[in-house]
Amino acid sequence: MDKNKILVTGGLGFIGSHTVVALQKEGFEVVIIDDLSNSKIEVLDGITAITGVKPEFVQFDLKKKDLVEQFFKTHHIDGIIHFAASKAVGESVEKPLMYYENNISTLIYLLQESVKNNVENFIFSSSCTVYGQADELPITENAPIKPAESPYGNTKQIGEEILNDTAKVEDINVIALRYFNPIGAHSSTKIGELPIGVPQNLIPFVTQTAAGIRKELQVFGDDYPTPDGTAIRDYIHVVDLAEAHVAALNRLLEKKNKSKFETFNVGTGEGNSVLEVIRAFEKVSGKKLDYKIVGRREGDITSAYADTTLVNKELGWKSKLNLEDALKSAWEWQLKQV
């Protein structure tokens, strides 16, 4: 039997590259589309070094509809995992039109070609941002979808609505994975989080500060209604998150999905504050971090962590690695970059 060929868009990005590794280790054939707007071609070498298999790579911008059509004319695809999107909350507040064009039009073009070419299996990279500030913690999949706090969060909500509407009328099955805060790096240190320019996420800022690349870490707000005043998030190791995508894909390929559009929270089920993360990092790295408390950042919420009951039961997936594991791997990855 031929291997299933899986298209991974944004496959040279942080989560995408780790998912490509997990897919290849499971025996899937992978083709990557990435425009390298927020990733580097060297990541392809890292994937190849880890797995011993070089995935097919096609470089183009998914906003170019004609190129999307051309791709599907020349490739038979069994499933799609769609990561390619702009993802910085702050930047989305400043550049909403860029985010709507990039995150929504690309999804539509991919779906149009999926329907046209009978690609029945689609996994969407969604986000816990769809819940906004949830009324109850931990957050279950039944939590109400709140008005988005940022254009980025709104593109994830709209994306899910587009997928749900499409699945109702077309021969396509969709799983939207709503992930919490992915961090860490592959244990080989051959791939990891490699932000271009100033990091938008906490952990690369932490590791770059510890490595002396950044002068000091900014902590956005210490007046949140949390035990230490800093915002709480559910930090999941990217290697665990990659495995969740493989589990979701297998569910679709084996036709075990219970509806045509399913959503799962992917997190650890535990929340850690920014200051707890800083202390944990100092412990695993032996480095003292210079940080400064500054004002809250627009679009940020107080607290979010996952109820993982559904994903544990339905996908048979559970996070295995803890916060210290993730921070240690992120630091080891950072040291390789200096």
Protein backbone atom coordinates (compact mmCIF):
# COMPACT_ATOMS: atom_id res chain seq x y z
CA MET A 1 0.00 0.00 0.00
CA ASP A 2 1.21 3.47 -0.82
CA LYS A 3 2.01 5.80 2.03
CA ASN A 4 -0.56 8.50 2.69
CA LYS A 5 0.74 11.81 1.37
CA ILE A 6 0.11 14.68 3.75
CA LEU A 7 0.38 18.36 2.86
CA VAL A 8 1.73 20.48 5.72
CA THR A 9 1.38 24.20 5.07
CA GLY A 10 3.78 26.34 7.08
CA GLY A 11 5.76 23.14 7.57
CA LEU A 12 9.06 24.94 8.19
CA GLY A 13 7.57 26.97 11.04
CA PHE A 14 7.85 26.15 14.73
CA ILE A 15 4.91 23.79 15.20
CA GLY A 16 4.86 22.73 11.54
CA SER A 17 8.44 21.45 11.51
CA HIS A 18 7.96 19.38 14.67
CA THR A 19 4.75 17.95 13.22
CA VAL A 20 6.55 17.02 9.97
CA VAL A 21 9.09 15.08 12.06
CA ALA A 22 6.28 13.28 13.93
CA LEU A 23 4.49 12.45 10.67
CA GLN A 24 7.61 11.10 9.00
CA LYS A 25 8.40 8.96 12.03
CA GLU A 26 4.89 7.48 11.68
CA GLY A 27 5.64 6.60 8.06
CA PHE A 28 3.67 9.33 6.32
CA GLU A 29 4.98 10.94 3.15
CA VAL A 30 5.06 14.70 3.65
CA VAL A 31 5.04 17.63 1.26
CA ILE A 32 5.60 21.09 2.74
CA ILE A 33 4.38 24.42 1.41
CA ASP A 34 6.02 27.44 3.07
CA ASP A 35 6.72 30.94 1.80
CA LEU A 36 9.61 31.43 4.29
CA SER A 37 8.07 34.70 5.51
CA ASN A 38 8.52 33.61 9.12
CA SER A 39 10.83 30.60 8.80
CA LYS A 40 14.17 29.60 7.33
CA ILE A 41 15.10 27.06 4.69
CA GLU A 42 17.72 25.56 7.05
CA VAL A 43 14.83 24.01 9.01
CA LEU A 44 14.48 21.54 6.13
CA ASP A 45 17.99 20.29 6.89
CA GLY A 46 17.07 19.91 10.56
CA ILE A 47 14.00 17.80 9.73
CA THR A 48 16.07 15.65 7.36
CA ALA A 49 18.84 15.17 9.93
CA ILE A 50 16.35 13.99 12.58
CA THR A 51 14.28 11.64 10.42
CA GLY A 52 16.71 10.59 7.69
CA VAL A 53 14.06 11.56 5.15
CA LYS A 54 13.98 14.84 3.24
CA PRO A 55 10.36 15.93 2.79
CA GLU A 56 9.32 17.45 -0.51
CA PHE A 57 9.35 21.24 -0.22
CA VAL A 58 7.52 23.74 -2.40
CA GLN A 59 8.07 27.44 -1.76
CA PHE A 60 5.21 29.79 -2.57
CA ASP A 61 2.69 32.15 -1.00
CA LEU A 62 -0.73 30.55 -0.47
CA LYS A 63 -2.36 33.94 -1.11
CA LYS A 64 -1.55 33.33 -4.80
CA LYS A 65 -4.63 31.38 -5.80
CA ASP A 66 -3.26 30.31 -9.19
CA LEU A 67 -0.23 28.71 -7.50
CA VAL A 68 -2.49 26.84 -5.06
CA GLU A 69 -4.49 25.48 -8.02
CA GLN A 70 -1.28 24.50 -9.83
CA PHE A 71 0.01 22.64 -6.78
CA PHE A 72 -3.08 20.45 -6.55
CA LYS A 73 -2.89 19.67 -10.27
CA THR A 74 0.54 18.12 -9.75
CA HIS A 75 0.13 16.47 -6.31
CA HIS A 76 -2.24 13.80 -5.04
CA ILE A 77 -2.90 14.63 -1.38
CA ASP A 78 -4.59 12.40 1.23
CA GLY A 79 -4.78 14.94 4.03
CA ILE A 80 -3.90 18.53 4.91
CA ILE A 81 -2.55 20.01 8.12
CA HIS A 82 -2.86 23.77 7.81
CA PHE A 83 -0.44 25.82 9.92
CA ALA A 84 0.45 28.64 7.51
CA ALA A 85 -0.79 31.89 9.09
CA SER A 86 0.39 35.09 10.70
CA LYS A 87 0.24 34.56 14.46
CA ALA A 88 1.32 37.55 16.58
CA VAL A 89 -1.49 39.02 18.68
CA GLY A 90 0.12 42.48 19.00
CA GLU A 91 0.98 42.75 15.33
CA SER A 92 -2.56 41.74 14.37
CA VAL A 93 -3.94 44.69 16.37
CA GLU A 94 -1.63 47.02 14.40
CA LYS A 95 -2.14 45.36 10.99
CA PRO A 96 -5.64 43.84 10.93
CA LEU A 97 -6.06 43.81 7.15
CA MET A 98 -2.80 41.95 6.66
CA TYR A 99 -3.98 39.29 9.14
CA TYR A 100 -7.42 38.90 7.57
CA GLU A 101 -5.99 38.60 4.08
CA ASN A 102 -3.25 36.16 5.03
CA ASN A 103 -5.16 33.95 7.45
CA ILE A 104 -8.57 33.83 5.77
CA SER A 105 -7.92 33.94 2.01
CA THR A 106 -5.30 31.18 2.21
CA LEU A 107 -7.71 28.91 4.10
CA ILE A 108 -10.44 29.51 1.49
CA TYR A 109 -8.12 28.75 -1.44
CA LEU A 110 -6.92 25.54 0.23
CA LEU A 111 -10.47 24.43 0.95
CA GLN A 112 -11.64 25.16 -2.59
CA GLU A 113 -8.88 22.93 -3.97
CA SER A 114 -9.50 20.27 -1.31
CA VAL A 115 -13.14 20.01 -2.38
CA LYS A 116 -12.26 20.08 -6.08
CA ASN A 117 -9.62 17.36 -5.68
CA ASN A 118 -11.45 15.11 -3.19
CA VAL A 119 -9.10 15.70 -0.26
CA GLU A 120 -11.33 14.54 2.59
CA ASN A 121 -9.12 15.06 5.65
CA PHE A 122 -8.30 18.53 6.98
CA ILE A 123 -6.68 19.52 10.28
CA PHE A 124 -6.79 23.18 11.24
CA SER A 125 -4.32 24.93 13.49
CA SER A 126 -6.71 26.76 15.80
CA SER A 127 -6.10 28.40 19.13
CA CYS A 128 -7.41 28.78 22.65
CA THR A 129 -7.75 32.48 21.79
CA VAL A 130 -11.20 31.60 20.39
CA TYR A 131 -12.44 31.40 23.99
CA GLY A 132 -11.24 34.88 24.95
CA GLN A 133 -11.29 35.22 28.73
CA ALA A 134 -13.28 32.12 29.62
CA ASP A 135 -15.89 32.28 32.39
CA GLU A 136 -14.71 29.01 33.90
CA LEU A 137 -11.31 27.31 34.22
CA PRO A 138 -10.12 24.88 33.08
CA ILE A 139 -11.57 25.57 29.62
CA THR A 140 -13.64 22.82 27.97
CA GLU A 141 -14.54 22.60 24.26
CA ASN A 142 -18.09 23.63 25.25
CA ALA A 143 -16.96 26.98 26.59
CA PRO A 144 -18.65 29.83 24.71
CA ILE A 145 -16.70 31.45 21.87
CA LYS A 146 -16.24 35.03 23.09
CA PRO A 147 -15.81 38.12 20.92
CA ALA A 148 -12.16 37.98 19.88
CA GLU A 149 -9.65 40.10 21.78
CA SER A 150 -7.53 40.61 18.64
CA PRO A 151 -7.75 40.30 14.85
CA TYR A 152 -5.49 37.24 15.14
CA GLY A 153 -7.95 35.55 17.50
CA ASN A 154 -10.80 36.56 15.20
CA THR A 155 -9.12 34.89 12.20
CA LYS A 156 -9.11 31.62 14.16
CA GLN A 157 -12.81 32.00 15.00
CA ILE A 158 -13.70 32.86 11.40
CA GLY A 159 -11.50 30.02 10.15
CA GLU A 160 -13.39 27.52 12.31
CA GLU A 161 -16.74 28.90 11.07
CA ILE A 162 -15.63 28.58 7.43
CA LEU A 163 -14.51 24.99 8.03
CA ASN A 164 -17.69 24.06 9.88
CA ASP A 165 -19.91 25.53 7.15
CA THR A 166 -17.88 23.78 4.43
CA ALA A 167 -17.94 20.39 6.20
CA LYS A 168 -21.76 20.58 6.37
CA VAL A 169 -22.13 20.61 2.59
CA GLU A 170 -18.93 19.12 1.15
CA ASP A 171 -17.23 15.74 1.39
CA ILE A 172 -14.60 16.86 3.85
CA ASN A 173 -13.90 15.99 7.50
CA VAL A 174 -12.25 18.55 9.72
CA ILE A 175 -10.56 18.57 13.11
CA ALA A 176 -9.69 21.95 14.60
CA LEU A 177 -7.03 21.66 17.29
CA ARG A 178 -7.29 24.56 19.71
CA TYR A 179 -3.89 24.74 21.23
CA PHE A 180 -2.74 26.61 24.22
CA ASN A 181 0.87 27.90 24.40
CA PRO A 182 3.41 25.75 22.53
CA ILE A 183 7.00 26.00 23.74
CA GLY A 184 10.22 23.99 23.71
CA ALA A 185 12.27 22.32 20.98
CA HIS A 186 13.13 18.89 19.64
CA SER A 187 15.50 16.96 21.91
CA SER A 188 18.04 16.77 19.06
CA THR A 189 18.28 20.62 19.10
CA LYS A 190 18.12 20.45 15.29
CA ILE A 191 14.76 22.28 15.16
CA GLY A 192 13.12 24.71 17.57
CA GLU A 193 11.42 28.08 17.80
CA LEU A 194 13.26 30.55 15.59
CA PRO A 195 11.47 33.90 15.58
CA ILE A 196 12.58 36.34 12.91
CA GLY A 197 13.14 39.78 14.43
CA VAL A 198 11.91 40.60 17.94
CA PRO A 199 10.14 37.58 19.48
CA GLN A 200 6.40 37.94 20.02
CA ASN A 201 6.18 34.98 22.41
CA LEU A 202 7.43 34.70 25.98
CA ILE A 203 9.86 31.76 25.79
CA PRO A 204 12.09 32.95 22.90
CA PHE A 205 12.28 36.30 24.71
CA VAL A 206 13.31 34.47 27.89
CA THR A 207 15.99 32.39 26.15
CA GLN A 208 17.33 35.33 24.12
CA THR A 209 17.56 37.45 27.28
CA ALA A 210 19.42 34.67 29.09
CA ALA A 211 21.76 34.35 26.10
CA GLY A 212 22.50 38.09 26.17
CA ILE A 213 20.79 38.84 22.84
CA ARG A 214 18.11 40.93 24.55
CA LYS A 215 18.94 43.39 27.32
CA GLU A 216 16.00 42.49 29.54
CA LEU A 217 12.71 40.64 29.52
CA GLN A 218 9.50 42.62 29.71
CA VAL A 219 6.69 41.18 31.81
CA PHE A 220 3.42 42.64 30.58
CA GLY A 221 1.44 43.50 33.70
CA ASP A 222 1.64 42.39 37.35
CA ASP A 223 -1.85 43.59 38.29
CA TYR A 224 -3.87 40.66 36.97
CA PRO A 225 -6.24 38.94 39.44
CA THR A 226 -3.89 35.93 39.78
CA PRO A 227 -1.83 34.72 42.79
CA ASP A 228 1.32 36.63 41.72
CA GLY A 229 -0.37 39.27 39.52
CA THR A 230 1.03 37.96 36.22
CA ALA A 231 -0.95 36.30 33.45
CA ILE A 232 -1.44 32.51 33.51
CA ARG A 233 -1.13 30.25 30.47
CA ASP A 234 -1.05 26.52 29.69
CA TYR A 235 2.42 25.85 28.23
CA ILE A 236 2.58 22.69 26.13
CA HIS A 237 5.75 21.11 24.79
CA VAL A 238 5.79 21.40 21.00
CA VAL A 239 6.82 17.73 20.66
CA ASP A 240 3.65 16.68 22.52
CA LEU A 241 1.61 19.05 20.36
CA ALA A 242 3.07 17.53 17.18
CA GLU A 243 1.96 14.08 18.36
CA ALA A 244 -1.58 15.41 18.81
CA HIS A 245 -1.67 16.27 15.09
CA VAL A 246 -0.66 12.72 14.18
CA ALA A 247 -3.40 11.35 16.47
CA ALA A 248 -5.97 13.69 14.86
CA LEU A 249 -4.88 12.70 11.36
CA ASN A 250 -5.14 9.00 12.16
CA ARG A 251 -8.64 9.57 13.54
CA LEU A 252 -9.72 11.07 10.20
CA LEU A 253 -7.93 8.52 8.02
CA GLU A 254 -9.46 5.67 10.03
CA LYS A 255 -12.87 7.40 9.85
CA LYS A 256 -13.25 7.39 13.63
CA ASN A 257 -14.48 11.00 13.79
CA LYS A 258 -17.94 11.36 15.33
CA SER A 259 -18.93 14.40 13.30
CA LYS A 260 -17.68 16.16 10.17
CA PHE A 261 -16.29 19.05 12.21
CA GLU A 262 -14.67 18.34 15.56
CA THR A 263 -12.73 20.55 17.96
CA PHE A 264 -10.21 19.50 20.62
CA ASN A 265 -8.29 21.48 23.20
CA VAL A 266 -4.60 20.59 23.21
CA GLY A 267 -2.78 21.58 26.37
CA THR A 268 -1.36 20.12 29.57
CA GLY A 269 -4.32 21.01 31.76
CA GLU A 270 -2.10 23.10 34.04
CA GLY A 271 -1.64 26.85 34.19
CA ASN A 272 1.60 28.66 35.01
CA SER A 273 2.09 32.37 35.54
CA VAL A 274 4.76 34.38 33.76
CA LEU A 275 6.76 34.69 36.99
CA GLU A 276 6.50 30.92 37.57
CA VAL A 277 7.88 30.37 34.06
CA ILE A 278 10.77 32.74 34.77
CA ARG A 279 11.61 30.92 38.03
CA ALA A 280 11.38 27.50 36.34
CA PHE A 281 13.66 28.69 33.55
CA GLU A 282 16.22 30.04 36.04
CA LYS A 283 16.18 26.64 37.75
CA VAL A 284 16.79 24.53 34.62
CA SER A 285 19.29 26.93 33.01
CA GLY A 286 21.17 28.17 36.07
CA LYS A 287 20.84 31.69 34.61
CA LYS A 288 19.45 34.72 36.42
CA LEU A 289 17.03 36.64 34.22
CA ASP A 290 16.86 40.42 34.08
CA TYR A 291 13.22 41.39 33.77
CA LYS A 292 11.10 44.49 34.14
CA ILE A 293 7.39 44.79 34.82
CA VAL A 294 5.68 46.98 32.21
CA GLY A 295 2.06 47.76 31.38
CA ARG A 296 -0.40 45.18 30.15
CA ARG A 297 -0.41 44.38 26.44
CA GLU A 298 -3.53 44.99 24.40
CA GLY A 299 -5.36 41.77 23.51
CA ASP A 300 -3.92 39.75 26.41
CA ILE A 301 -6.23 37.86 28.78
CA THR A 302 -5.79 37.03 32.45
CA SER A 303 -5.77 33.26 32.53
CA ALA A 304 -6.24 30.28 30.21
CA TYR A 305 -5.58 26.58 30.69
CA ALA A 306 -7.17 23.54 29.10
CA ASP A 307 -9.53 20.85 30.22
CA THR A 308 -7.97 17.97 28.27
CA THR A 309 -10.60 15.30 29.08
CA LEU A 310 -11.99 15.15 25.54
CA VAL A 311 -8.68 15.00 23.68
CA ASN A 312 -7.37 12.35 26.12
CA LYS A 313 -10.44 10.18 25.56
CA GLU A 314 -11.19 10.66 21.86
CA LEU A 315 -7.68 10.96 20.40
CA GLY A 316 -5.97 8.77 22.97
CA TRP A 317 -3.44 11.56 23.35
CA LYS A 318 -1.99 13.05 26.52
CA SER A 319 0.90 15.44 27.11
CA LYS A 320 3.96 13.62 28.45
CA LEU A 321 6.47 16.43 28.93
CA ASN A 322 6.30 19.10 31.63
CA LEU A 323 7.15 22.80 31.85
CA GLU A 324 10.74 22.19 32.97
CA ASP A 325 11.29 19.67 30.12
CA ALA A 326 10.07 22.27 27.63
CA LEU A 327 12.15 25.12 29.07
CA LYS A 328 15.27 22.97 29.21
CA SER A 329 14.87 21.99 25.54
CA ALA A 330 14.20 25.61 24.55
CA TRP A 331 17.39 26.71 26.33
CA GLU A 332 19.49 23.94 24.74
CA TRP A 333 18.10 24.97 21.34
CA GLN A 334 18.95 28.63 22.05
CA LEU A 335 22.53 27.76 22.98
CA LYS A 336 22.95 26.12 19.56
CA GLN A 337 21.91 29.40 17.90
CA VAL A 338 24.41 31.68 19.61
